[in-house]
Protein backbone atom coordinates (compact mmCIF):
# COMPACT_ATOMS: atom_id res chain seq x y z
CA MET A 1 -9.96 -21.91 13.76
CA ASN A 2 -11.92 -21.02 17.16
CA VAL A 3 -14.65 -18.79 16.94
CA ALA A 4 -15.94 -16.13 20.07
CA PRO A 5 -18.76 -13.79 19.56
CA SER A 6 -17.56 -10.93 20.60
CA ALA A 7 -18.30 -7.87 23.15
CA ALA A 8 -17.60 -4.65 21.77
CA ALA A 9 -20.90 -3.63 20.94
CA THR A 10 -22.90 -5.00 24.42
CA PRO A 11 -22.04 -6.49 27.32
CA ALA A 12 -21.55 -10.20 27.59
CA GLY A 13 -24.96 -12.05 28.08
CA VAL A 14 -26.95 -8.89 26.59
CA ARG A 15 -28.15 -8.63 23.39
CA ASN A 16 -29.81 -4.89 21.17
CA PRO A 17 -33.35 -6.01 20.19
CA ALA A 18 -33.20 -3.88 17.45
CA GLU A 19 -29.72 -5.55 16.21
CA GLU A 20 -31.30 -9.15 16.31
CA GLU A 21 -33.99 -7.80 14.19
CA HIS A 22 -31.50 -6.01 11.68
CA LEU A 23 -29.08 -8.90 11.01
CA ARG A 24 -32.75 -11.45 11.33
CA SER A 25 -34.01 -9.18 8.69
CA ILE A 26 -30.53 -9.00 6.55
CA ALA A 27 -29.65 -13.01 7.17
CA GLU A 28 -34.08 -13.49 5.71
CA PHE A 29 -33.18 -11.38 2.59
CA PHE A 30 -29.88 -12.88 1.53
CA ASP A 31 -31.11 -16.41 1.84
CA ARG A 32 -33.57 -15.92 -0.34
CA PHE A 33 -31.32 -14.12 -2.58
CA ALA A 34 -28.89 -17.14 -2.96
CA VAL A 35 -30.89 -19.39 -5.04
CA THR A 36 -31.20 -16.33 -7.63
CA GLU A 37 -27.42 -15.00 -7.05
CA GLY A 38 -25.94 -16.88 -10.18
CA ARG A 39 -27.76 -15.47 -12.12
CA TRP A 40 -27.89 -11.58 -11.22
CA ARG A 41 -24.58 -11.91 -11.25
CA ARG A 42 -24.10 -12.81 -15.07
CA ARG A 43 -26.40 -10.27 -15.30
CA ASN A 44 -24.10 -7.73 -13.51
CA ARG A 45 -20.96 -9.56 -14.57
CA THR A 46 -18.54 -6.32 -15.92
CA TYR A 47 -19.17 -4.66 -12.66
CA TYR A 48 -18.17 -8.14 -10.83
CA ARG A 49 -14.84 -8.09 -12.55
CA LEU A 50 -14.35 -4.60 -11.93
CA VAL A 51 -14.80 -5.14 -8.52
CA GLU A 52 -12.11 -8.29 -8.68
CA SER A 53 -9.33 -6.62 -10.70
CA ILE A 54 -9.02 -4.14 -8.31
CA HIS A 55 -8.77 -6.17 -5.52
CA ARG A 56 -6.40 -8.47 -7.02
CA PHE A 57 -4.53 -5.19 -7.95
CA LEU A 58 -4.53 -4.86 -3.85
CA VAL A 59 -3.84 -7.73 -2.41
CA PRO A 60 -1.39 -10.70 -3.26
CA GLU A 61 -1.59 -13.79 -4.14
CA GLY A 62 -0.68 -16.70 -1.11
CA ALA A 63 -2.15 -13.56 1.25
CA ALA A 64 -4.30 -15.04 4.90
CA VAL A 65 -7.42 -13.30 3.69
CA LEU A 66 -10.40 -12.52 5.68
CA GLU A 67 -13.52 -11.59 3.68
CA ILE A 68 -16.76 -10.46 5.69
CA GLY A 69 -20.01 -10.17 3.61
CA ALA A 70 -18.29 -13.20 1.45
CA GLY A 71 -21.62 -14.29 -0.33
CA SER A 72 -20.84 -16.79 -2.71
CA GLY A 73 -17.33 -16.63 -2.13
CA ASP A 74 -16.31 -15.85 -5.67
CA LEU A 75 -14.38 -12.68 -4.86
CA LEU A 76 -12.06 -14.89 -2.02
CA ALA A 77 -11.44 -17.07 -4.52
CA ALA A 78 -10.30 -15.17 -7.46
CA LEU A 79 -7.82 -13.76 -4.93
CA GLY A 80 -5.92 -16.96 -4.43
CA PRO A 81 -5.53 -16.94 -0.59
CA SER A 82 -2.53 -19.66 1.52
CA ARG A 83 -5.49 -19.12 4.12
CA GLY A 84 -9.13 -17.74 2.81
CA VAL A 85 -12.19 -17.62 5.62
CA GLY A 86 -15.02 -15.95 3.98
CA VAL A 87 -18.12 -14.98 6.98
CA ASP A 88 -21.33 -14.06 6.23
CA VAL A 89 -24.81 -14.11 7.74
CA SER A 90 -26.80 -15.38 5.49
CA ALA A 91 -26.41 -19.87 6.02
CA GLU A 92 -28.04 -20.54 2.80
CA MET A 93 -25.39 -17.78 1.08
CA THR A 94 -22.78 -19.60 2.93
CA LYS A 95 -24.15 -22.73 1.66
CA LEU A 96 -23.66 -21.82 -1.75
CA ALA A 97 -20.17 -20.60 -1.30
CA ARG A 98 -18.90 -24.13 0.42
CA SER A 99 -20.67 -25.84 -3.00
CA ARG A 100 -18.42 -23.36 -4.83
CA HIS A 101 -14.90 -23.09 -3.29
CA PRO A 102 -14.81 -26.48 -0.72
CA GLU A 103 -10.95 -25.42 -0.66
CA LEU A 104 -12.17 -21.96 1.64
CA GLU A 105 -13.71 -21.82 4.99
CA PHE A 106 -16.77 -20.08 5.17
CA VAL A 107 -18.94 -19.15 8.52
CA THR A 108 -22.16 -18.11 9.18
CA ALA A 109 -21.78 -15.14 11.77
CA ALA A 110 -22.47 -11.54 11.43
CA GLY A 111 -19.75 -9.56 11.32
CA GLU A 112 -20.48 -7.63 14.11
CA ARG A 113 -20.11 -10.71 17.07
CA PHE A 114 -17.57 -12.96 14.56
CA ARG A 115 -14.23 -12.78 15.98
CA ALA A 116 -11.30 -15.61 15.22
CA ASP A 117 -8.62 -16.68 16.73
CA GLU A 118 -6.37 -15.62 14.42
CA GLN A 119 -4.42 -12.87 12.61
CA PHE A 120 -4.64 -12.11 8.92
CA ASP A 121 -2.89 -10.31 6.10
CA TYR A 122 -6.00 -8.51 4.08
CA VAL A 123 -9.63 -8.16 5.65
CA ILE A 124 -12.00 -7.74 2.79
CA LEU A 125 -15.34 -5.53 3.60
CA SER A 126 -16.75 -5.44 -0.25
CA ASP A 127 -20.08 -3.61 -0.81
CA LEU A 128 -20.93 -5.31 3.25
CA VAL A 129 -21.04 -1.58 4.62
CA PRO A 130 -24.41 -0.60 3.49
CA PHE A 131 -25.66 -3.64 5.33
CA ALA A 132 -24.06 -3.63 8.81
CA PHE A 133 -25.75 -3.06 11.85
CA ASP A 134 -22.78 -1.27 13.99
CA LEU A 135 -19.69 -0.43 11.98
CA GLU A 136 -17.94 0.41 15.41
CA ALA A 137 -17.52 -2.57 16.84
CA LEU A 138 -17.27 -4.17 12.82
CA PHE A 139 -13.59 -2.61 12.66
CA ARG A 140 -13.04 -3.35 16.19
CA ASN A 141 -13.30 -6.91 15.72
CA ILE A 142 -11.15 -6.76 12.17
CA ARG A 143 -8.80 -4.75 14.83
CA ALA A 144 -8.62 -7.31 16.66
CA MET A 145 -7.88 -10.43 14.18
CA SER A 146 -5.30 -7.82 12.58
CA HIS A 147 -1.46 -8.07 12.61
CA GLU A 148 0.86 -4.94 12.67
CA ARG A 149 0.99 -5.50 8.51
CA THR A 150 -2.38 -5.82 8.33
CA ARG A 151 -4.41 -4.20 5.56
CA VAL A 152 -8.39 -3.61 5.58
CA VAL A 153 -9.72 -3.36 2.14
CA ILE A 154 -13.04 -1.61 2.05
CA HIS A 155 -14.76 -0.23 -0.87
CA SER A 156 -18.97 1.12 -0.91
CA TYR A 157 -21.65 3.02 -3.05
CA SER A 158 -21.74 6.82 -3.62
CA GLN A 159 -24.49 8.29 -1.98
CA LEU A 160 -24.17 10.72 -5.60
CA TRP A 161 -25.09 6.97 -7.61
CA ARG A 162 -27.86 6.41 -5.02
CA PRO A 163 -30.80 7.95 -7.46
CA LEU A 164 -29.38 5.67 -10.46
CA ILE A 165 -29.32 2.61 -8.14
CA ASN A 166 -32.67 2.94 -6.96
CA LEU A 167 -33.70 2.93 -10.95
CA ALA A 168 -31.97 -0.05 -12.05
CA GLU A 169 -33.57 -1.78 -9.49
CA LEU A 170 -36.98 -0.13 -9.94
CA LEU A 171 -36.06 -1.70 -13.70
CA ARG A 172 -34.89 -4.76 -12.79
CA LEU A 173 -31.45 -4.22 -14.00
CA LYS A 174 -29.92 -4.91 -10.64
CA PRO A 175 -31.19 -6.65 -7.45
CA ARG A 176 -33.04 -4.55 -5.21
CA LYS A 177 -31.37 -4.99 -1.83
CA PRO A 178 -31.95 -3.57 1.92
CA ILE A 179 -29.62 -1.09 1.96
CA ARG A 180 -29.58 0.50 5.14
CA ASN A 181 -26.50 2.64 5.17
CA TRP A 182 -25.29 5.52 2.81
CA VAL A 183 -22.48 5.94 4.53
CA THR A 184 -18.91 8.25 3.11
CA SER A 185 -15.70 7.13 3.06
CA GLY A 186 -15.31 10.40 5.70
CA ASP A 187 -17.52 8.58 8.02
CA VAL A 188 -15.44 5.11 7.13
CA ARG A 189 -12.09 7.10 8.55
CA ASN A 190 -13.67 8.22 11.37
CA LEU A 191 -15.04 4.94 12.70
CA LEU A 192 -11.36 3.30 11.71
CA ALA A 193 -10.65 5.64 13.66
CA LEU A 194 -12.71 4.67 16.95
CA ALA A 195 -11.19 1.44 15.91
CA ASP A 196 -7.82 1.84 16.00
CA LEU A 197 -7.45 1.43 12.45
CA GLU A 198 -6.01 4.20 10.32
CA ALA A 199 -7.55 4.90 6.54
CA VAL A 200 -3.86 4.87 4.35
CA THR A 201 -5.58 5.38 1.09
CA VAL A 202 -8.97 6.67 -0.17
CA SER A 203 -9.48 6.63 -3.88
CA ARG A 204 -13.05 6.30 -6.52
CA GLU A 205 -12.85 3.90 -8.81
CA ILE A 206 -16.10 2.64 -11.65
CA LEU A 207 -17.50 5.77 -13.50
CA TRP A 208 -18.69 2.94 -15.84
CA PRO A 209 -20.46 -0.69 -14.91
CA LYS A 210 -21.47 -2.27 -18.44
CA LYS A 211 -19.06 -3.75 -20.69
CA ILE A 212 -18.62 -1.88 -23.82
CA PRO A 213 -15.32 -2.53 -25.26
CA LEU A 214 -12.64 -0.13 -25.11
CA LEU A 215 -14.74 2.66 -23.71
CA THR A 216 -15.06 1.33 -20.42
CA THR A 217 -11.32 0.71 -19.89
CA LEU A 218 -11.12 4.58 -21.20
CA LEU A 219 -14.28 5.70 -18.97
CA ASN A 220 -12.65 3.74 -15.72
CA GLY A 221 -9.02 3.85 -16.33
CA ILE A 222 -8.74 7.88 -17.42
CA VAL A 223 -11.51 10.05 -17.16
CA ALA A 224 -12.36 8.68 -13.84
CA ARG A 225 -9.24 10.30 -12.21
CA ILE A 226 -9.97 13.43 -13.50
CA TRP A 227 -10.58 15.63 -11.13
CA GLY A 228 -14.16 16.91 -10.63
CA ILE A 229 -14.84 13.57 -13.02
CA ARG A 230 -13.26 10.75 -10.05
CA GLN A 231 -16.21 12.26 -7.76
CA LEU A 232 -19.00 10.68 -10.06
CA CYS A 233 -17.44 7.32 -9.57
CA LEU A 234 -19.76 5.02 -8.21
CA SER A 235 -17.72 3.25 -5.55
CA TRP A 236 -15.20 4.95 -3.14
CA TRP A 237 -12.47 2.48 -1.57
CA VAL A 238 -10.97 2.64 1.52
CA VAL A 239 -7.93 1.23 2.40
CA ALA A 240 -6.84 0.68 6.37
CA LYS A 241 -4.25 -0.09 9.21
CA PRO A 242 -3.99 -0.49 12.26
CA ALA A 243 -2.92 2.91 13.67
CA HIS A 244 0.77 4.00 14.68
CA VAL A 245 1.91 0.20 15.79
CA PRO A 246 4.99 0.98 16.98
CA ALA A 247 7.59 -2.37 16.70
CA ALA A 248 8.32 -4.12 19.61
CA ARG A 249 11.94 -3.36 20.26
CA GLU A 250 14.46 -1.84 18.52
CA LEU A 251 15.62 -3.07 14.86
CA SER A 252 18.86 -4.05 13.47
CA VAL A 253 19.76 -1.66 10.56
CA SER A 254 21.68 -2.32 7.38
CA ILE A 255 22.78 0.99 5.62
CA VAL A 256 23.44 0.95 1.80
CA VAL A 257 25.60 3.48 -0.29
CA PRO A 258 25.71 3.20 -3.72
CA CYS A 259 28.96 4.99 -5.07
CA ARG A 260 30.28 5.96 -8.16
CA ASN A 261 33.51 8.20 -8.67
CA GLU A 262 32.96 8.99 -4.92
CA ALA A 263 36.59 8.46 -3.57
CA GLY A 264 36.68 11.67 -1.87
CA MET A 265 33.55 10.75 0.49
CA ILE A 266 34.38 7.40 1.69
CA ALA A 267 36.07 8.13 4.79
CA GLU A 268 33.70 11.15 5.79
CA ILE A 269 30.72 8.72 4.96
CA VAL A 270 32.31 6.16 7.39
CA GLU A 271 33.21 8.81 10.02
CA ARG A 272 29.81 10.52 10.08
CA THR A 273 27.10 7.47 9.47
CA PRO A 274 26.05 6.65 13.37
CA LYS A 275 25.23 3.47 14.38
CA LEU A 276 21.83 2.39 14.64
CA GLY A 277 19.50 -0.32 16.34
CA THR A 278 20.74 -3.33 17.69
CA GLU A 279 23.20 -3.48 15.47
CA SER A 280 23.99 -1.86 12.21
CA GLU A 281 25.90 -2.28 8.97
CA LEU A 282 27.48 -0.21 6.12
CA ILE A 283 27.01 -1.20 2.82
CA PHE A 284 28.73 0.16 -0.09
CA VAL A 285 27.99 -0.42 -3.71
CA GLU A 286 30.78 0.40 -6.12
CA GLY A 287 29.53 0.84 -9.64
CA GLY A 288 32.21 0.57 -11.88
CA SER A 289 34.40 4.10 -10.59
CA THR A 290 37.25 5.62 -12.83
CA ASP A 291 38.93 6.81 -9.87
CA ASP A 292 39.87 4.60 -6.80
CA THR A 293 36.48 3.99 -4.48
CA ALA A 294 36.84 0.82 -4.82
CA MET A 295 39.98 0.95 -2.97
CA GLU A 296 39.13 3.43 -0.63
CA ILE A 297 36.51 1.70 0.39
CA GLU A 298 38.91 -1.26 1.17
CA ARG A 299 41.18 0.74 3.42
CA GLN A 300 38.30 2.13 5.50
CA ILE A 301 37.16 -1.25 6.19
CA ALA A 302 40.79 -2.39 6.92
CA ALA A 303 41.17 0.76 9.11
CA HIS A 304 37.71 0.39 11.23
CA PRO A 305 37.79 -3.32 12.47
CA GLU A 306 35.22 -2.40 14.95
CA ARG A 307 32.42 -1.33 12.09
CA GLN A 308 30.40 -3.84 10.17
CA ILE A 309 31.14 -3.11 6.04
CA ALA A 310 31.54 -4.73 3.09
CA LEU A 311 32.01 -4.11 -0.70
CA TYR A 312 29.94 -5.15 -2.92
CA ALA A 313 31.51 -4.22 -7.28
CA GLN A 314 27.89 -3.35 -8.87
CA THR A 315 27.36 -5.91 -11.78
CA GLY A 316 24.92 -4.01 -13.76
CA LYS A 317 23.85 -0.02 -14.05
CA GLY A 318 21.93 2.36 -12.46
CA LYS A 319 21.86 2.86 -8.81
CA GLY A 320 18.85 0.95 -8.85
CA ASP A 321 20.62 -1.96 -9.45
CA ALA A 322 23.03 -0.83 -7.02
CA VAL A 323 20.33 -0.98 -4.43
CA ARG A 324 18.81 -3.78 -5.11
CA LEU A 325 22.02 -5.55 -5.29
CA GLY A 326 23.16 -3.78 -2.02
CA PHE A 327 19.39 -4.90 -0.47
CA ALA A 328 20.59 -8.48 -1.77
CA HIS A 329 23.12 -8.71 0.64
CA ALA A 330 22.00 -6.73 4.10
CA ARG A 331 21.31 -8.85 6.95
CA ASN A 332 18.97 -6.68 9.39
CA GLU A 333 15.60 -5.84 9.39
CA LEU A 334 15.51 -2.32 8.78
CA LEU A 335 17.00 -1.01 5.13
CA MET A 336 18.15 2.21 4.84
CA ILE A 337 20.07 4.23 1.45
CA LEU A 338 22.31 7.10 1.88
CA ASP A 339 23.56 8.71 -0.93
CA ALA A 340 27.82 9.29 -1.08
CA ASP A 341 27.63 12.19 -2.13
CA LEU A 342 26.06 12.91 1.32
CA THR A 343 24.15 15.96 0.26
CA VAL A 344 21.81 14.69 2.99
CA ALA A 345 23.48 14.22 6.06
CA PRO A 346 24.23 11.11 7.52
CA GLU A 347 23.53 12.94 11.12
CA ASP A 348 19.67 12.81 9.70
CA LEU A 349 19.59 8.94 10.09
CA PRO A 350 18.37 8.26 13.18
CA LYS A 351 15.26 10.24 12.83
CA PHE A 352 14.22 7.96 9.82
CA TYR A 353 14.64 4.67 12.06
CA ARG A 354 12.19 6.34 14.64
CA ALA A 355 9.80 6.86 12.19
CA VAL A 356 9.65 3.19 11.26
CA VAL A 357 10.17 2.21 14.71
CA ASP A 358 7.63 4.48 16.55
CA GLY A 359 5.30 3.64 13.85
CA HIS A 360 4.56 6.35 12.22
CA ALA A 361 5.46 5.21 8.98
CA ASP A 362 5.85 1.93 7.16
CA PHE A 363 7.87 4.23 4.20
CA ALA A 364 10.14 7.07 5.44
CA ASN A 365 10.62 9.27 2.48
CA GLY A 366 13.37 12.29 2.40
CA SER A 367 12.04 15.10 1.36
CA ARG A 368 14.54 18.09 0.88
CA LEU A 369 12.03 20.70 -0.27
CA VAL A 370 10.92 21.76 3.27
CA TYR A 371 13.57 23.99 4.66
CA ASP A 372 15.72 26.16 3.22
CA MET A 373 18.56 24.32 0.65
CA GLN A 374 22.64 25.34 1.14
CA ALA A 375 23.41 27.81 -2.05
CA GLY A 376 24.39 26.01 -5.30
CA ALA A 377 22.69 22.77 -3.72
CA MET A 378 19.88 22.43 -6.26
CA GLN A 379 19.75 23.96 -9.24
CA PHE A 380 16.19 26.15 -10.47
CA LEU A 381 15.21 23.54 -12.98
CA ASN A 382 16.20 20.72 -10.15
CA VAL A 383 13.49 22.55 -7.90
CA PHE A 384 10.88 22.75 -10.85
CA GLY A 385 11.07 19.44 -11.86
CA ASN A 386 11.14 17.64 -8.50
CA LYS A 387 7.97 19.98 -7.41
CA PHE A 388 6.79 18.73 -10.48
CA PHE A 389 6.84 15.44 -10.10
CA SER A 390 5.57 15.48 -6.55
CA ALA A 391 2.12 16.65 -7.15
CA VAL A 392 2.15 13.91 -10.16
CA PHE A 393 3.09 10.80 -7.80
CA SER A 394 1.32 12.25 -4.95
CA ALA A 395 -2.08 12.11 -7.29
CA LEU A 396 -0.20 8.50 -8.37
CA LEU A 397 0.36 7.01 -5.08
CA GLU A 398 -2.90 8.33 -3.30
CA GLN A 399 -0.51 10.09 -0.63
CA PRO A 400 1.16 12.74 -0.55
CA ILE A 401 4.83 12.73 -1.28
CA LYS A 402 6.69 15.95 -1.24
CA ASP A 403 9.96 14.95 -2.96
CA THR A 404 10.06 11.88 -4.64
CA LEU A 405 14.03 11.93 -5.80
CA CYS A 406 15.49 12.59 -2.44
CA GLY A 407 17.88 9.63 -2.21
CA THR A 408 17.37 8.68 1.06
CA LYS A 409 14.36 6.31 2.15
CA VAL A 410 13.70 3.67 4.80
CA LEU A 411 11.55 0.19 5.01
CA ARG A 412 11.75 -2.90 6.56
CA ARG A 413 13.38 -5.62 5.04
CA SER A 414 9.76 -7.55 4.36
CA ASP A 415 8.25 -4.76 3.31
CA TYR A 416 11.04 -4.52 0.76
CA GLU A 417 10.88 -8.62 -0.31
CA ALA A 418 6.86 -7.86 -0.77
CA ILE A 419 8.04 -5.41 -2.95
CA ALA A 420 10.38 -7.44 -4.77
CA ARG A 421 8.08 -10.58 -5.37
CA ALA A 422 5.80 -8.05 -6.92
CA ARG A 423 8.18 -6.66 -9.19
CA GLY A 424 7.72 -8.73 -12.23
CA TYR A 425 3.79 -6.12 -12.26
CA PHE A 426 6.04 -3.14 -12.31
CA GLY A 427 9.14 -4.60 -14.01
CA ASP A 428 12.52 -3.62 -14.34
CA PHE A 429 11.78 0.12 -15.54
CA ASP A 430 13.87 2.36 -13.17
CA PRO A 431 17.37 3.13 -13.51
CA PHE A 432 17.24 5.27 -10.42
CA GLY A 433 14.85 2.84 -7.79
CA ASP A 434 13.42 5.86 -6.35
CA PHE A 435 10.18 4.67 -8.18
CA ASP A 436 10.52 1.46 -8.25
CA LEU A 437 10.19 1.55 -4.26
CA LEU A 438 7.60 4.36 -4.36
CA LEU A 439 5.37 2.45 -7.08
CA GLY A 440 5.44 -0.66 -5.24
CA ALA A 441 5.00 0.73 -1.35
CA ALA A 442 2.07 2.01 -2.88
CA ARG A 443 0.92 -0.99 -4.21
CA GLN A 444 1.40 -2.74 -1.09
CA ARG A 445 -0.22 0.01 0.63
CA LEU A 446 2.73 0.69 2.95
CA ARG A 447 2.10 4.65 4.53
CA ILE A 448 5.22 6.56 3.17
CA VAL A 449 5.53 9.23 5.48
CA ASP A 450 7.70 12.67 3.93
CA VAL A 451 11.16 12.88 6.44
CA PRO A 452 12.37 16.32 6.40
CA VAL A 453 15.99 16.95 5.46
CA ARG A 454 17.95 19.90 4.75
CA TYR A 455 19.64 19.59 1.88
CA ALA A 456 23.35 20.37 1.01
CA ALA A 457 26.32 21.47 -1.96
CA ARG A 458 28.37 18.22 -3.59
CA THR A 459 32.10 19.30 -1.71
CA TYR A 460 33.57 16.24 -4.18
CA GLY A 461 32.89 15.14 -7.96
CA GLN A 462 30.02 15.61 -10.47
CA THR A 463 26.55 14.79 -10.07
CA ASN A 464 25.36 12.59 -12.56
CA ILE A 465 22.09 13.76 -12.92
CA SER A 466 21.17 15.12 -16.93
CA ARG A 467 18.22 17.23 -16.13
CA PHE A 468 17.03 16.60 -19.31
CA ARG A 469 17.88 13.59 -20.61
CA HIS A 470 16.76 12.14 -17.04
CA GLY A 471 13.64 14.44 -16.79
CA LEU A 472 12.08 12.98 -19.94
CA LEU A 473 12.66 9.45 -18.47
CA LEU A 474 10.64 11.01 -15.35
CA LEU A 475 7.72 11.47 -17.94
CA GLN A 476 8.22 8.58 -19.27
CA MET A 477 7.99 6.46 -15.79
CA ALA A 478 4.90 8.63 -14.72
CA ALA A 479 2.90 7.75 -17.48
CA PHE A 480 3.93 3.71 -17.03
CA GLY A 481 3.18 4.49 -13.64
CA PHE A 482 -0.09 6.15 -14.20
CA TYR A 483 -1.15 3.03 -16.66
CA LYS A 484 -0.08 0.42 -13.87
CA LEU A 485 -1.54 2.47 -10.87
CA LYS A 486 -4.45 3.83 -12.53
CA ILE A 487 -5.60 1.92 -16.07
CA LYS A 488 -4.56 -1.65 -15.77
CA PRO A 489 -6.54 -2.76 -12.32
CA VAL A 490 -9.58 -0.89 -14.29
CA ARG A 491 -8.81 -3.06 -17.75
CA ILE A 492 -11.48 -5.78 -17.75
């Protein structure tokens, strides 16, 4: 790895005396601290275990990870990276990290001056913000080492804890460190924007950093999620990405249409679905219809040799299973879901295409709750349920989601494959498929953006939705999502 000094903060050859003094004093402190680092880590092991657990939730094993302010390297090693590089301003901390984790690479440098000639999947800034001299220069360096899918994970102390931290240092419950910055998450979002990065999610974590069996999990996993109390958490967390990066080119598209007893809609689907991108294929997944849906699809394939149309018979049950089967057979770069009842118009698919390809969204989610609906398209209880689950899942996902149950969703194949690889974390819990994708996208910190569509009444067949039975199932999935997204990451 080649490392070049950054010119982000000052012109070539010019050194800011204040920066020099700042970095020298921080390096000297952590050089001395390296001798006692292990003892302090053991004394505050609950806090460090919580930080590691949250990072392991956010960063999948096998990624290329850069940690700036890596210290002893323990956090970087806990993430199991395929390529791990740690940077620290302290030579003694770098030496300590190399002795503990020889399988990783560690470099002595200030984050403001470090720039490698490679790009990383994840960049970690764990408790670094309080010690940085120039956060904008630091973020600009990170941007230069990021590709379009990189995620930057930043966390630091809340200003509300400043008196308690000072007291803990006075009582020698934690080491006295030269904290120079008490920066808010809002400050960081502004600085990220200046460096061409944007926040995807902002959250607060760790209400209680000490170990009390059961109580620690209760406080950090449940009580800390309550509005008004979560503002009291010890730390804020920001996950960011490169801002608005359009695709370098147009993408090829696979449109998956799960269908069951939709024979009367097949010809219209083929006729109305537009060709998108550099190449477009239409994939029907037929789920054991009692009408002649499968035969009608075969007739349409024969009638339209100019179109790339495929038919697969579903072996499992539920729309979610059908979508997975369709995605498994899809050949192209951008994956789309279109419901066979055409309550969402196929003519709206170009909006979803452009949202992703132009860099506005990683995951384009259809929203039927913006525009007025056609009479009879959705009953009152369905509208109420959709709005209720919208509020619930917006809180869970830490991103605004207006309509969780719209069937039209679009994402890149590479992002879907990342969701599928991590599916073991959630398991096979969702027969609809909407929440499997939304929860998986939230864990990957994909930027989810609603694309408003007009919702039409069904013109053929009967809905497969049972308001009360499926409503109860959705409640169960919301509780399951809360456990997996909020409680499990801080359960130690």
